[in-house]
Amino acid sequence: MTFLNTRYRLVRPLTPKDYERLSPLSTVYGIRGLDVQGEDLLVEYDASRIHEAEVLAEIRKAGIAVAPEKPIPLGGFDHTGEFKDFAWPTTGLSPANQKQK
């Protein structure tokens, strides 16, 4: 188990409805805890169970407007939390990149 903390900047102050939306996030597999500290949302998660981009995607899916403090590194997920297959070349001489005639 690898426990990490990540901090997201809240785009706007949280309303009581936003706090209700945050509550179910504690049941997402891999998210261990949430804490609001001023204008930041601090999330503790298990990196062996969930990727940071998935954490961000879950928060945004709950309707909470947040921005990461630093860009999330490329890999299986991009900074928006969407899956991208970076293992396969997207440019160059790969046969998959050649136009079919």
Protein backbone atom coordinates (compact mmCIF):
# COMPACT_ATOMS: atom_id res chain seq x y z
CA MET A 1 0.00 0.00 0.00
CA THR A 2 1.21 3.43 -0.96
CA PHE A 3 -0.67 6.22 0.77
CA LEU A 4 -0.36 9.63 -0.87
CA ASN A 5 -1.89 13.05 -0.34
CA THR A 6 -2.79 15.33 -3.19
CA ARG A 7 -4.09 18.87 -3.04
CA TYR A 8 -6.61 20.43 -5.41
CA ARG A 9 -7.44 24.12 -5.59
CA LEU A 10 -11.18 24.77 -5.25
CA VAL A 11 -12.40 26.96 -8.12
CA ARG A 12 -15.15 28.41 -5.92
CA PRO A 13 -16.13 28.16 -2.26
CA LEU A 14 -18.05 25.01 -1.35
CA THR A 15 -21.78 25.21 -0.73
CA PRO A 16 -23.73 22.88 1.57
CA LYS A 17 -24.83 20.94 -1.56
CA ASP A 18 -21.13 20.49 -2.52
CA TYR A 19 -20.42 18.96 0.90
CA GLU A 20 -23.23 16.48 0.27
CA ARG A 21 -21.62 15.61 -3.08
CA LEU A 22 -18.24 15.06 -1.40
CA SER A 23 -19.62 12.56 1.09
CA PRO A 24 -19.95 9.57 -1.33
CA LEU A 25 -16.33 10.02 -2.47
CA SER A 26 -15.15 8.41 0.76
CA THR A 27 -16.63 5.12 -0.51
CA VAL A 28 -14.64 5.14 -3.79
CA TYR A 29 -12.15 2.26 -3.79
CA GLY A 30 -8.71 3.69 -2.99
CA ILE A 31 -9.77 7.07 -1.59
CA ARG A 32 -9.02 7.08 2.12
CA GLY A 33 -10.03 10.56 3.23
CA LEU A 34 -11.02 14.09 2.26
CA ASP A 35 -10.24 17.35 4.04
CA VAL A 36 -11.14 20.93 3.13
CA GLN A 37 -8.37 23.34 4.13
CA GLY A 38 -9.25 26.92 3.21
CA GLU A 39 -9.41 27.08 -0.59
CA ASP A 40 -7.93 23.60 -1.03
CA LEU A 41 -9.31 20.08 -1.06
CA LEU A 42 -6.82 17.58 0.36
CA VAL A 43 -7.37 13.95 -0.68
CA GLU A 44 -5.57 10.98 0.86
CA TYR A 45 -5.58 7.96 -1.46
CA ASP A 46 -3.91 4.59 -1.92
CA ALA A 47 -1.78 4.84 -5.08
CA SER A 48 -1.61 1.05 -5.37
CA ARG A 49 -5.39 1.03 -5.85
CA ILE A 50 -6.22 4.27 -7.71
CA HIS A 51 -4.28 6.69 -9.93
CA GLU A 52 -4.21 10.42 -9.17
CA ALA A 53 -6.03 11.16 -12.44
CA GLU A 54 -8.82 8.81 -11.37
CA VAL A 55 -9.12 10.68 -8.07
CA LEU A 56 -9.45 13.96 -9.99
CA ALA A 57 -12.03 12.40 -12.33
CA GLU A 58 -14.11 11.14 -9.38
CA ILE A 59 -14.09 14.59 -7.75
CA ARG A 60 -15.14 16.26 -11.00
CA LYS A 61 -17.78 13.58 -11.60
CA ALA A 62 -19.25 14.49 -8.21
CA GLY A 63 -19.68 18.05 -9.50
CA ILE A 64 -16.90 19.71 -7.51
CA ALA A 65 -14.92 22.26 -9.53
CA VAL A 66 -11.23 21.77 -8.71
CA ALA A 67 -7.90 22.31 -10.41
CA PRO A 68 -4.75 20.27 -9.69
CA GLU A 69 -1.78 22.20 -8.27
CA LYS A 70 0.56 20.60 -10.80
CA PRO A 71 -0.08 18.73 -14.05
CA ILE A 72 -0.67 15.01 -13.64
CA PRO A 73 2.13 13.07 -15.40
CA LEU A 74 1.35 11.25 -18.63
CA GLY A 75 0.68 7.56 -18.53
CA GLY A 76 -2.55 5.65 -18.76
CA PHE A 77 -4.54 8.73 -17.79
CA ASP A 78 -4.18 12.36 -18.84
CA HIS A 79 -4.75 15.52 -16.78
CA THR A 80 -8.51 15.43 -17.47
CA GLY A 81 -8.82 11.94 -15.99
CA GLU A 82 -9.62 10.34 -19.35
CA PHE A 83 -7.83 7.17 -20.44
CA LYS A 84 -5.31 7.61 -23.27
CA ASP A 85 -3.21 4.78 -24.68
CA PHE A 86 0.23 6.39 -24.82
CA ALA A 87 1.93 3.01 -25.18
CA TRP A 88 1.03 2.83 -28.88
CA PRO A 89 2.77 5.43 -31.10
CA THR A 90 0.42 8.13 -32.35
CA THR A 91 2.89 9.67 -34.83
CA GLY A 92 5.75 8.42 -36.94
CA LEU A 93 6.17 5.41 -39.19
CA SER A 94 3.94 2.98 -37.35
CA PRO A 95 1.62 1.01 -39.70
CA ALA A 96 -1.33 2.16 -37.59
CA ASN A 97 -0.55 5.78 -38.52
CA GLN A 98 -0.52 5.19 -42.28
CA LYS A 99 -3.61 6.16 -44.25
CA GLN A 100 -5.42 3.25 -45.85
CA LYS A 101 -5.70 3.43 -49.65
